[in-house]
Amino acid sequence: MKQLITDLKFITVLSIAGLIYGCASTSPNPDLVSAQRLFDEINADPLVAAKAPIPHAEAEESLAKLKWMVEDGAKDKEIKRVAYKTEIKTKIAREKANTAIAKDFIAQAETERQQIQIKARTREADDLARQLAELKAKPSERGMIVTMGDVLFEYDKSNVKAGGMRIISQLAEFLKQHPEITVSIEGHTDSVGSDSYNQQLSERRAEAVHRALRHAGIDDARMTAIGYGKTYPIATNTTSSGRQQNRRVEIVISDETGIVKER
């Protein structure tokens, strides 16, 4: 009877030892656990596979190889080497994805910036068109032209009347709001009288507008004044209405580069 009890105790000890050994032999490999945890983190983020598909696939393939080596009982040194490579590939996949996401963000920000600029330029263009319309500016081959007719000056003189000063005030405000723009102030007359008289009158009237704009705060560097006399009529000089149209001062407005096209 004592022998039977002894045998049972021995069997129990062996069973417990075997159980302990079995548990120990099936405990997870720490290198595999670490590599798996790192890969699971990137795998939980769909953007990694979407933005870095090749590095993601390489990391996944390396992890699969590591699992096979652990299950196959490969040497610990080899397992550690492959585990290290797996973690490196996993980190590379994350970095590649982050880089791609950052590039997408920058591209989107640039697109939005360009759209904002386009909208701003559109608003500026609309505002410019509105202001030019208020000045009754007309398009020409040289650009937009504001015309001050003969009735805005004292008869046969260069003195600007009140109506002309209102136009000059509007023009000065326009130029202040658009500092990139320059103007060419050009005086013209009809064909009545001598060439020298008409030349001098056209110059005096152009200079009168120039002077008024300067007094309104416009820098001289943005303006030129010239008289053309009777050289460039826009209507016939055989009728009074035609001659009146020819007696004028034209303010030629530059483009956004500040250049006024020459005649």
Protein backbone atom coordinates (compact mmCIF):
# COMPACT_ATOMS: atom_id res chain seq x y z
CA MET A 1 0.00 0.00 0.00
CA LYS A 2 2.84 2.37 0.89
CA GLN A 3 4.50 1.55 -2.39
CA LEU A 4 1.31 2.48 -4.28
CA ILE A 5 1.10 5.84 -2.54
CA THR A 6 4.75 6.50 -3.31
CA ASP A 7 4.21 5.65 -6.95
CA LEU A 8 1.19 7.95 -7.16
CA LYS A 9 3.19 10.82 -5.66
CA PHE A 10 5.95 10.26 -8.17
CA ILE A 11 3.48 10.25 -11.05
CA THR A 12 1.89 13.46 -9.76
CA VAL A 13 5.27 15.20 -9.56
CA LEU A 14 6.09 14.12 -13.08
CA SER A 15 2.71 15.36 -14.30
CA ILE A 16 3.18 18.75 -12.68
CA ALA A 17 6.70 19.03 -14.04
CA GLY A 18 5.45 18.12 -17.48
CA LEU A 19 2.70 20.70 -17.24
CA ILE A 20 5.16 23.35 -16.16
CA TYR A 21 7.52 22.40 -18.96
CA GLY A 22 4.66 22.48 -21.47
CA CYS A 23 3.57 25.94 -20.36
CA ALA A 24 7.11 27.19 -20.56
CA SER A 25 7.61 25.76 -24.02
CA THR A 26 4.47 27.48 -25.37
CA SER A 27 5.13 30.95 -23.87
CA PRO A 28 5.21 33.64 -26.64
CA ASN A 29 8.55 34.69 -28.03
CA PRO A 30 9.29 38.24 -26.76
CA ASP A 31 10.88 39.33 -30.04
CA LEU A 32 7.84 38.19 -31.98
CA VAL A 33 5.53 39.89 -29.48
CA SER A 34 7.40 43.18 -29.84
CA ALA A 35 7.45 43.03 -33.65
CA GLN A 36 3.78 42.02 -33.77
CA ARG A 37 2.74 44.87 -31.47
CA LEU A 38 4.60 47.43 -33.58
CA PHE A 39 3.08 46.12 -36.79
CA ASP A 40 -0.41 46.04 -35.27
CA GLU A 41 -0.08 49.75 -34.51
CA ILE A 42 0.55 50.70 -38.14
CA ASN A 43 -1.93 48.12 -39.41
CA ALA A 44 -4.65 49.77 -37.34
CA ASP A 45 -4.12 52.96 -39.35
CA PRO A 46 -5.51 52.45 -42.89
CA LEU A 47 -3.53 55.44 -44.14
CA VAL A 48 -0.25 53.54 -43.72
CA ALA A 49 -1.23 50.82 -46.19
CA ALA A 50 -2.86 53.42 -48.44
CA LYS A 51 0.03 55.90 -48.51
CA ALA A 52 2.95 53.45 -48.21
CA PRO A 53 1.67 50.17 -49.71
CA ILE A 54 5.07 48.70 -50.63
CA PRO A 55 6.82 49.34 -47.26
CA HIS A 56 3.67 48.10 -45.50
CA ALA A 57 3.69 44.88 -47.53
CA GLU A 58 7.42 44.37 -46.87
CA ALA A 59 6.89 44.76 -43.13
CA GLU A 60 3.97 42.32 -43.22
CA GLU A 61 6.03 39.80 -45.20
CA SER A 62 8.93 40.10 -42.76
CA LEU A 63 6.56 39.55 -39.82
CA ALA A 64 5.16 36.42 -41.47
CA LYS A 65 8.69 35.10 -41.91
CA LEU A 66 9.42 35.81 -38.24
CA LYS A 67 6.33 33.87 -37.14
CA TRP A 68 7.35 30.91 -39.27
CA MET A 69 10.88 30.91 -37.81
CA VAL A 70 9.54 30.95 -34.24
CA GLU A 71 7.12 28.11 -34.98
CA ASP A 72 9.87 26.16 -36.74
CA GLY A 73 12.21 26.51 -33.78
CA ALA A 74 14.86 28.60 -35.47
CA LYS A 75 17.92 29.72 -33.54
CA ASP A 76 17.38 32.60 -31.17
CA LYS A 77 20.09 34.65 -32.87
CA GLU A 78 18.35 34.35 -36.25
CA ILE A 79 14.97 35.14 -34.72
CA LYS A 80 16.35 38.32 -33.16
CA ARG A 81 17.92 39.35 -36.47
CA VAL A 82 14.66 38.94 -38.40
CA ALA A 83 12.66 40.55 -35.58
CA TYR A 84 14.94 43.59 -35.74
CA LYS A 85 14.54 43.80 -39.52
CA THR A 86 10.77 43.49 -39.14
CA GLU A 87 10.61 46.36 -36.68
CA ILE A 88 12.82 48.51 -38.92
CA LYS A 89 10.61 47.81 -41.94
CA THR A 90 7.52 48.58 -39.86
CA LYS A 91 8.97 51.91 -38.77
CA ILE A 92 9.94 52.70 -42.36
CA ALA A 93 6.35 52.04 -43.44
CA ARG A 94 5.12 54.48 -40.80
CA GLU A 95 7.65 57.16 -41.82
CA LYS A 96 6.90 56.75 -45.52
CA ALA A 97 3.19 57.11 -44.82
CA ASN A 98 3.76 60.19 -42.66
CA THR A 99 5.87 61.76 -45.42
CA ALA A 100 3.20 61.07 -48.03
CA ILE A 101 0.50 62.48 -45.76
CA ALA A 102 2.60 65.60 -45.13
CA LYS A 103 3.12 66.08 -48.88
CA ASP A 104 -0.61 65.75 -49.45
CA PHE A 105 -1.25 68.32 -46.75
CA ILE A 106 1.27 70.74 -48.25
CA ALA A 107 -0.21 70.26 -51.73
CA GLN A 108 -3.71 70.85 -50.40
CA ALA A 109 -2.56 73.96 -48.52
CA GLU A 110 -0.89 75.27 -51.69
CA THR A 111 -4.06 74.65 -53.69
CA GLU A 112 -6.11 76.49 -51.09
CA ARG A 113 -3.58 79.35 -51.06
CA GLN A 114 -3.80 79.65 -54.85
CA GLN A 115 -7.58 79.63 -54.69
CA ILE A 116 -7.49 82.41 -52.10
CA GLN A 117 -5.11 84.39 -54.31
CA ILE A 118 -7.36 83.91 -57.33
CA LYS A 119 -10.36 85.10 -55.35
CA ALA A 120 -8.40 88.09 -54.06
CA ARG A 121 -7.23 88.98 -57.56
CA THR A 122 -10.75 88.61 -58.86
CA ARG A 123 -11.99 90.99 -56.17
CA GLU A 124 -9.17 93.41 -57.01
CA ALA A 125 -9.99 93.21 -60.71
CA ASP A 126 -13.68 93.80 -60.01
CA ASP A 127 -12.82 96.75 -57.79
CA LEU A 128 -10.47 98.16 -60.43
CA ALA A 129 -13.13 97.82 -63.13
CA ARG A 130 -15.69 99.55 -60.91
CA GLN A 131 -13.37 102.47 -60.17
CA LEU A 132 -12.44 102.87 -63.84
CA ALA A 133 -16.13 102.87 -64.73
CA GLU A 134 -16.72 105.65 -62.20
CA LEU A 135 -13.95 107.63 -63.91
CA LYS A 136 -15.63 106.93 -67.26
CA ALA A 137 -12.36 105.43 -68.50
CA LYS A 138 -12.47 104.00 -72.00
CA PRO A 139 -10.35 101.15 -73.37
CA SER A 140 -7.76 101.81 -76.07
CA GLU A 141 -4.77 100.07 -77.62
CA ARG A 142 -2.59 101.79 -75.05
CA GLY A 143 -4.76 100.95 -72.06
CA MET A 144 -7.61 102.65 -70.24
CA ILE A 145 -7.97 106.39 -70.86
CA VAL A 146 -9.72 109.01 -68.75
CA THR A 147 -10.60 112.04 -70.87
CA MET A 148 -10.98 115.56 -69.52
CA GLY A 149 -12.82 117.54 -72.16
CA ASP A 150 -12.43 121.19 -73.12
CA VAL A 151 -15.43 122.21 -71.00
CA LEU A 152 -13.48 121.26 -67.86
CA PHE A 153 -10.95 124.06 -68.48
CA GLU A 154 -11.33 127.83 -68.59
CA TYR A 155 -11.85 129.03 -72.14
CA ASP A 156 -8.55 129.15 -74.00
CA LYS A 157 -6.68 128.66 -70.71
CA SER A 158 -5.15 125.88 -68.62
CA ASN A 159 -7.11 126.63 -65.44
CA VAL A 160 -9.11 123.57 -64.35
CA LYS A 161 -12.79 124.16 -63.53
CA ALA A 162 -14.60 122.64 -60.54
CA GLY A 163 -15.92 119.74 -62.65
CA GLY A 164 -12.39 118.95 -63.76
CA MET A 165 -11.13 119.05 -60.18
CA ARG A 166 -13.74 116.48 -59.18
CA ILE A 167 -12.37 114.11 -61.83
CA ILE A 168 -8.81 114.78 -60.65
CA SER A 169 -9.85 114.06 -57.06
CA GLN A 170 -11.40 110.73 -58.12
CA LEU A 171 -8.32 109.89 -60.15
CA ALA A 172 -6.02 110.70 -57.23
CA GLU A 173 -8.01 108.41 -54.93
CA PHE A 174 -7.84 105.66 -57.53
CA LEU A 175 -4.06 106.03 -57.85
CA LYS A 176 -3.62 105.94 -54.07
CA GLN A 177 -5.46 102.63 -53.93
CA HIS A 178 -3.35 101.20 -56.77
CA PRO A 179 0.26 102.28 -56.13
CA GLU A 180 1.56 100.02 -58.89
CA ILE A 181 -0.17 102.12 -61.56
CA THR A 182 1.37 105.10 -63.36
CA VAL A 183 -0.21 107.62 -65.73
CA SER A 184 0.72 109.61 -68.80
CA ILE A 185 -1.06 112.98 -68.88
CA GLU A 186 -1.38 114.13 -72.49
CA GLY A 187 -2.76 117.47 -73.68
CA HIS A 188 -4.39 117.93 -77.12
CA THR A 189 -5.94 120.83 -79.06
CA ASP A 190 -7.87 121.44 -82.25
CA SER A 191 -6.28 122.91 -85.37
CA VAL A 192 -7.42 126.50 -84.83
CA GLY A 193 -4.51 128.87 -84.22
CA SER A 194 -0.79 128.53 -84.77
CA ASP A 195 1.11 125.32 -84.14
CA SER A 196 3.21 126.93 -81.40
CA TYR A 197 0.14 128.31 -79.62
CA ASN A 198 -1.63 124.95 -79.70
CA GLN A 199 1.51 123.17 -78.55
CA GLN A 200 1.92 125.51 -75.59
CA LEU A 201 -1.76 125.30 -74.62
CA SER A 202 -1.70 121.49 -74.70
CA GLU A 203 1.42 121.45 -72.54
CA ARG A 204 -0.02 123.91 -70.01
CA ARG A 205 -3.24 121.94 -69.65
CA ALA A 206 -1.37 118.65 -69.24
CA GLU A 207 0.87 120.27 -66.64
CA ALA A 208 -2.16 121.74 -64.82
CA VAL A 209 -3.59 118.24 -64.35
CA HIS A 210 -0.15 116.96 -63.35
CA ARG A 211 0.18 119.71 -60.75
CA ALA A 212 -3.30 119.08 -59.34
CA LEU A 213 -2.59 115.36 -58.94
CA ARG A 214 0.70 116.15 -57.22
CA HIS A 215 -1.10 118.46 -54.80
CA ALA A 216 -3.54 115.60 -54.16
CA GLY A 217 -0.65 113.45 -52.95
CA ILE A 218 0.44 111.52 -56.04
CA ASP A 219 4.19 111.06 -56.43
CA ASP A 220 5.78 112.77 -59.43
CA ALA A 221 7.60 109.54 -60.25
CA ARG A 222 4.27 107.96 -61.19
CA MET A 223 3.29 110.68 -63.66
CA THR A 224 4.48 112.19 -66.92
CA ALA A 225 2.94 115.24 -68.62
CA ILE A 226 3.27 116.04 -72.30
CA GLY A 227 1.53 118.25 -74.85
CA TYR A 228 0.85 117.08 -78.40
CA GLY A 229 -0.87 120.18 -79.75
CA LYS A 230 -3.08 119.37 -82.75
CA THR A 231 -1.09 116.23 -83.71
CA TYR A 232 -3.58 113.56 -82.61
CA PRO A 233 -7.19 114.59 -83.33
CA ILE A 234 -9.97 112.13 -82.50
CA ALA A 235 -12.61 113.94 -84.59
CA THR A 236 -12.80 116.26 -87.57
CA ASN A 237 -11.64 119.85 -87.15
CA THR A 238 -14.13 121.11 -89.74
CA THR A 239 -17.03 121.30 -87.27
CA SER A 240 -17.36 122.99 -83.90
CA SER A 241 -18.38 119.75 -82.17
CA GLY A 242 -15.40 117.95 -83.69
CA ARG A 243 -12.99 120.66 -82.61
CA GLN A 244 -14.42 120.57 -79.11
CA GLN A 245 -13.73 116.82 -78.91
CA ASN A 246 -10.16 117.39 -80.02
CA ARG A 247 -9.55 119.93 -77.23
CA ARG A 248 -8.91 117.56 -74.36
CA VAL A 249 -6.49 116.12 -71.81
CA GLU A 250 -6.15 112.33 -71.82
CA ILE A 251 -4.88 110.47 -68.77
CA VAL A 252 -3.54 107.14 -70.02
CA ILE A 253 -3.52 104.55 -67.23
CA SER A 254 -0.74 101.97 -67.15
CA ASP A 255 -1.11 98.23 -66.74
CA GLU A 256 -0.32 96.51 -63.43
CA THR A 257 3.42 96.62 -64.24
CA GLY A 258 3.36 100.43 -64.30
CA ILE A 259 4.16 100.70 -68.00
CA VAL A 260 2.21 103.00 -70.30
CA LYS A 261 2.42 101.98 -73.95
CA GLU A 262 3.99 104.59 -76.18
CA ARG A 263 2.18 106.05 -79.13
